[in-house]
Amino acid sequence: MSGLPPDDVLADYLAQEVRPDAHRAQGMLNVLAALRQGRRDRWDVTGDTWSLELNRARASIHSEVAIPGRSQDLPLEEFEDALRSWLEFMELSRGH
């Protein structure tokens, strides 16, 4: 999966860090719900090739190794929509 800039960062993050792992995607959706409900202020995770920082307003994705300086900031709602779409894509792919 690869998107066009600047969405290529989001596409690469989903493909390389979330991967086709429905449990990982659902866990991240649970974190997003906790942020939205005020049960968490932020969530940071460093993956194999990307790091992700979430707060109540934004998602920030940063390259760890691939190409230094590759990053994308987007509203939390957009990140959540992309994550939900990725989860739906994985579920549809398993059905075929």
N, C-alpha and C. Protein backbone atom coordinates (compact mmCIF):
# COMPACT_ATOMS: atom_id res chain seq x y z
N MET A 1 0.85 -1.18 0.00
CA MET A 1 0.00 0.00 0.00
C MET A 1 0.89 1.23 0.00
N SER A 2 0.61 2.13 -0.88
CA SER A 2 1.36 3.38 -0.91
C SER A 2 0.43 4.46 -1.43
N GLY A 3 0.47 5.60 -0.79
CA GLY A 3 -0.36 6.72 -1.21
C GLY A 3 0.50 7.80 -1.82
N LEU A 4 -0.14 8.85 -2.23
CA LEU A 4 0.58 10.00 -2.77
C LEU A 4 0.89 10.97 -1.64
N PRO A 5 2.01 11.69 -1.72
CA PRO A 5 2.33 12.66 -0.67
C PRO A 5 1.20 13.64 -0.47
N PRO A 6 0.88 14.07 0.75
CA PRO A 6 1.53 13.66 1.99
C PRO A 6 0.92 12.40 2.59
N ASP A 7 -0.12 11.85 1.97
CA ASP A 7 -0.78 10.68 2.55
C ASP A 7 0.05 9.42 2.47
N ASP A 8 1.18 9.45 1.76
CA ASP A 8 2.03 8.26 1.72
C ASP A 8 2.55 7.91 3.10
N VAL A 9 2.77 8.90 3.96
CA VAL A 9 3.22 8.64 5.32
C VAL A 9 2.16 7.84 6.07
N LEU A 10 0.92 8.26 6.01
CA LEU A 10 -0.17 7.56 6.67
C LEU A 10 -0.32 6.15 6.09
N ALA A 11 -0.29 6.03 4.78
CA ALA A 11 -0.43 4.72 4.14
C ALA A 11 0.71 3.80 4.56
N ASP A 12 1.94 4.31 4.56
CA ASP A 12 3.08 3.49 4.97
C ASP A 12 2.98 3.11 6.44
N TYR A 13 2.53 4.04 7.29
CA TYR A 13 2.37 3.72 8.71
C TYR A 13 1.39 2.56 8.89
N LEU A 14 0.24 2.65 8.25
CA LEU A 14 -0.76 1.60 8.38
C LEU A 14 -0.23 0.26 7.88
N ALA A 15 0.43 0.27 6.73
CA ALA A 15 0.93 -0.97 6.14
C ALA A 15 2.09 -1.56 6.93
N GLN A 16 2.97 -0.72 7.47
CA GLN A 16 4.19 -1.21 8.10
C GLN A 16 4.08 -1.41 9.61
N GLU A 17 3.24 -0.63 10.28
CA GLU A 17 3.14 -0.74 11.73
C GLU A 17 1.86 -1.43 12.19
N VAL A 18 0.73 -1.03 11.63
CA VAL A 18 -0.52 -1.69 12.02
C VAL A 18 -0.60 -3.05 11.33
N ARG A 19 -0.11 -3.09 10.09
CA ARG A 19 -0.08 -4.32 9.29
C ARG A 19 -1.48 -4.93 9.23
N PRO A 20 -1.61 -6.07 8.63
CA PRO A 20 -2.94 -6.69 8.62
C PRO A 20 -3.21 -7.39 9.96
N ASP A 21 -3.24 -6.60 11.02
CA ASP A 21 -3.44 -7.11 12.37
C ASP A 21 -4.66 -6.41 12.97
N ALA A 22 -5.80 -7.08 12.89
CA ALA A 22 -7.06 -6.49 13.37
C ALA A 22 -6.99 -6.18 14.86
N HIS A 23 -6.29 -7.00 15.64
CA HIS A 23 -6.20 -6.76 17.09
C HIS A 23 -5.42 -5.47 17.37
N ARG A 24 -4.36 -5.24 16.60
CA ARG A 24 -3.58 -4.01 16.78
C ARG A 24 -4.42 -2.79 16.41
N ALA A 25 -5.13 -2.88 15.29
CA ALA A 25 -5.98 -1.77 14.86
C ALA A 25 -7.08 -1.49 15.89
N GLN A 26 -7.70 -2.54 16.39
CA GLN A 26 -8.77 -2.35 17.38
C GLN A 26 -8.22 -1.77 18.68
N GLY A 27 -7.03 -2.20 19.07
CA GLY A 27 -6.40 -1.63 20.26
C GLY A 27 -6.14 -0.14 20.11
N MET A 28 -5.72 0.26 18.92
CA MET A 28 -5.49 1.69 18.68
C MET A 28 -6.81 2.46 18.69
N LEU A 29 -7.87 1.86 18.16
CA LEU A 29 -9.19 2.51 18.22
C LEU A 29 -9.63 2.68 19.67
N ASN A 30 -9.31 1.73 20.53
CA ASN A 30 -9.63 1.85 21.95
C ASN A 30 -8.87 3.00 22.59
N VAL A 31 -7.61 3.19 22.21
CA VAL A 31 -6.82 4.31 22.71
C VAL A 31 -7.43 5.63 22.24
N LEU A 32 -7.84 5.69 20.98
CA LEU A 32 -8.48 6.90 20.46
C LEU A 32 -9.76 7.23 21.23
N ALA A 33 -10.54 6.21 21.57
CA ALA A 33 -11.75 6.43 22.36
C ALA A 33 -11.40 6.98 23.74
N ALA A 34 -10.35 6.44 24.36
CA ALA A 34 -9.92 6.92 25.68
C ALA A 34 -9.47 8.38 25.60
N LEU A 35 -8.78 8.75 24.52
CA LEU A 35 -8.37 10.14 24.34
C LEU A 35 -9.60 11.05 24.20
N ARG A 36 -10.51 10.63 23.36
CA ARG A 36 -11.71 11.45 23.11
C ARG A 36 -12.54 11.61 24.38
N GLN A 37 -12.60 10.58 25.21
CA GLN A 37 -13.40 10.62 26.44
C GLN A 37 -12.66 11.25 27.61
N GLY A 38 -11.41 11.67 27.40
CA GLY A 38 -10.66 12.33 28.46
C GLY A 38 -10.03 11.38 29.46
N ARG A 39 -10.03 10.08 29.17
CA ARG A 39 -9.40 9.12 30.09
C ARG A 39 -7.89 9.05 29.88
N ARG A 40 -7.41 9.62 28.78
CA ARG A 40 -5.97 9.72 28.49
C ARG A 40 -5.72 11.12 27.93
N ASP A 41 -4.51 11.64 28.21
CA ASP A 41 -4.12 12.93 27.63
C ASP A 41 -3.35 12.75 26.33
N ARG A 42 -2.56 11.67 26.27
CA ARG A 42 -1.74 11.41 25.10
C ARG A 42 -1.33 9.95 25.07
N TRP A 43 -0.81 9.54 23.93
CA TRP A 43 -0.32 8.18 23.76
C TRP A 43 0.80 8.24 22.74
N ASP A 44 1.95 7.72 23.10
CA ASP A 44 3.12 7.71 22.22
C ASP A 44 3.61 6.27 22.09
N VAL A 45 3.96 5.90 20.88
CA VAL A 45 4.51 4.56 20.66
C VAL A 45 5.56 4.64 19.55
N THR A 46 6.66 3.96 19.76
CA THR A 46 7.69 3.86 18.74
C THR A 46 7.63 2.45 18.18
N GLY A 47 7.43 2.36 16.89
CA GLY A 47 7.34 1.06 16.23
C GLY A 47 8.65 0.69 15.58
N ASP A 48 8.57 -0.25 14.65
CA ASP A 48 9.77 -0.71 13.96
C ASP A 48 10.34 0.37 13.04
N THR A 49 9.48 1.05 12.30
CA THR A 49 9.96 2.07 11.35
C THR A 49 9.30 3.43 11.54
N TRP A 50 8.23 3.50 12.32
CA TRP A 50 7.49 4.75 12.52
C TRP A 50 7.19 4.95 13.99
N SER A 51 7.12 6.21 14.40
CA SER A 51 6.62 6.52 15.74
C SER A 51 5.31 7.28 15.57
N LEU A 52 4.46 7.14 16.56
CA LEU A 52 3.14 7.76 16.54
C LEU A 52 2.93 8.48 17.86
N GLU A 53 2.49 9.72 17.77
CA GLU A 53 2.13 10.51 18.94
C GLU A 53 0.68 10.93 18.77
N LEU A 54 -0.13 10.61 19.75
CA LEU A 54 -1.54 10.99 19.73
C LEU A 54 -1.85 11.87 20.93
N ASN A 55 -2.61 12.92 20.70
CA ASN A 55 -3.19 13.68 21.80
C ASN A 55 -4.66 13.90 21.45
N ARG A 56 -5.35 14.65 22.24
CA ARG A 56 -6.80 14.79 22.02
C ARG A 56 -7.15 15.48 20.71
N ALA A 57 -6.19 16.18 20.10
CA ALA A 57 -6.48 16.94 18.88
C ALA A 57 -5.80 16.37 17.64
N ARG A 58 -4.60 15.81 17.79
CA ARG A 58 -3.79 15.48 16.61
C ARG A 58 -3.14 14.11 16.70
N ALA A 59 -2.82 13.60 15.52
CA ALA A 59 -1.98 12.42 15.37
C ALA A 59 -0.74 12.87 14.61
N SER A 60 0.43 12.51 15.10
CA SER A 60 1.70 12.85 14.44
C SER A 60 2.45 11.56 14.18
N ILE A 61 2.77 11.33 12.91
CA ILE A 61 3.50 10.14 12.50
C ILE A 61 4.87 10.59 12.03
N HIS A 62 5.93 9.92 12.53
CA HIS A 62 7.31 10.29 12.18
C HIS A 62 8.09 9.05 11.79
N SER A 63 8.89 9.19 10.75
CA SER A 63 9.76 8.10 10.31
C SER A 63 10.88 7.89 11.31
N GLU A 64 11.14 6.64 11.65
CA GLU A 64 12.25 6.31 12.54
C GLU A 64 13.50 5.92 11.76
N VAL A 65 13.33 5.24 10.63
CA VAL A 65 14.50 4.76 9.90
C VAL A 65 14.42 4.99 8.40
N ALA A 66 13.25 4.91 7.82
CA ALA A 66 13.12 4.89 6.36
C ALA A 66 13.77 6.10 5.70
N ILE A 67 13.17 7.23 5.83
CA ILE A 67 13.71 8.47 5.28
C ILE A 67 13.59 9.52 6.38
N PRO A 68 14.71 9.91 6.96
CA PRO A 68 14.63 10.88 8.06
C PRO A 68 13.83 12.11 7.65
N GLY A 69 13.01 12.55 8.56
CA GLY A 69 12.22 13.74 8.33
C GLY A 69 10.86 13.49 7.72
N ARG A 70 10.58 12.28 7.29
CA ARG A 70 9.24 12.00 6.77
C ARG A 70 8.27 12.01 7.94
N SER A 71 7.25 12.84 7.84
CA SER A 71 6.28 12.93 8.92
C SER A 71 4.96 13.45 8.37
N GLN A 72 3.93 13.27 9.18
CA GLN A 72 2.62 13.81 8.83
C GLN A 72 1.86 14.09 10.11
N ASP A 73 1.27 15.26 10.17
CA ASP A 73 0.37 15.63 11.27
C ASP A 73 -1.02 15.73 10.69
N LEU A 74 -1.99 15.18 11.40
CA LEU A 74 -3.35 15.28 10.93
C LEU A 74 -4.30 15.30 12.12
N PRO A 75 -5.50 15.84 11.92
CA PRO A 75 -6.47 15.84 13.01
C PRO A 75 -6.76 14.41 13.46
N LEU A 76 -7.02 14.28 14.74
CA LEU A 76 -7.26 12.95 15.31
C LEU A 76 -8.41 12.24 14.59
N GLU A 77 -9.45 12.99 14.21
CA GLU A 77 -10.60 12.38 13.53
C GLU A 77 -10.19 11.76 12.20
N GLU A 78 -9.30 12.43 11.45
CA GLU A 78 -8.84 11.88 10.17
C GLU A 78 -8.04 10.60 10.39
N PHE A 79 -7.19 10.60 11.42
CA PHE A 79 -6.42 9.39 11.71
C PHE A 79 -7.36 8.25 12.08
N GLU A 80 -8.36 8.55 12.90
CA GLU A 80 -9.31 7.52 13.30
C GLU A 80 -10.09 6.99 12.09
N ASP A 81 -10.51 7.87 11.20
CA ASP A 81 -11.21 7.44 9.99
C ASP A 81 -10.33 6.52 9.16
N ALA A 82 -9.06 6.88 9.01
CA ALA A 82 -8.13 6.05 8.23
C ALA A 82 -7.94 4.69 8.89
N LEU A 83 -7.83 4.68 10.21
CA LEU A 83 -7.65 3.43 10.94
C LEU A 83 -8.88 2.54 10.82
N ARG A 84 -10.06 3.13 10.91
CA ARG A 84 -11.29 2.36 10.73
C ARG A 84 -11.38 1.79 9.31
N SER A 85 -11.02 2.59 8.32
CA SER A 85 -11.02 2.12 6.93
C SER A 85 -10.03 0.99 6.74
N TRP A 86 -8.87 1.09 7.36
CA TRP A 86 -7.85 0.03 7.29
C TRP A 86 -8.40 -1.26 7.91
N LEU A 87 -9.07 -1.14 9.04
CA LEU A 87 -9.65 -2.31 9.69
C LEU A 87 -10.72 -2.94 8.80
N GLU A 88 -11.58 -2.12 8.21
CA GLU A 88 -12.60 -2.64 7.30
C GLU A 88 -11.97 -3.32 6.10
N PHE A 89 -10.91 -2.73 5.54
CA PHE A 89 -10.19 -3.32 4.43
C PHE A 89 -9.64 -4.69 4.81
N MET A 90 -9.04 -4.80 5.99
CA MET A 90 -8.50 -6.09 6.44
C MET A 90 -9.61 -7.13 6.58
N GLU A 91 -10.74 -6.72 7.15
CA GLU A 91 -11.84 -7.65 7.34
C GLU A 91 -12.41 -8.11 6.00
N LEU A 92 -12.51 -7.20 5.03
CA LEU A 92 -12.99 -7.59 3.70
C LEU A 92 -11.99 -8.51 3.01
N SER A 93 -10.70 -8.25 3.18
CA SER A 93 -9.67 -9.06 2.55
C SER A 93 -9.69 -10.48 3.09
N ARG A 94 -9.97 -10.65 4.37
CA ARG A 94 -10.04 -11.98 4.95
C ARG A 94 -11.22 -12.76 4.45
N GLY A 95 -12.29 -12.05 4.05
CA GLY A 95 -13.50 -12.69 3.58
C GLY A 95 -13.37 -13.25 2.17
N HIS A 96 -12.31 -12.88 1.47
CA HIS A 96 -12.15 -13.34 0.08
C HIS A 96 -11.07 -14.35 -0.06
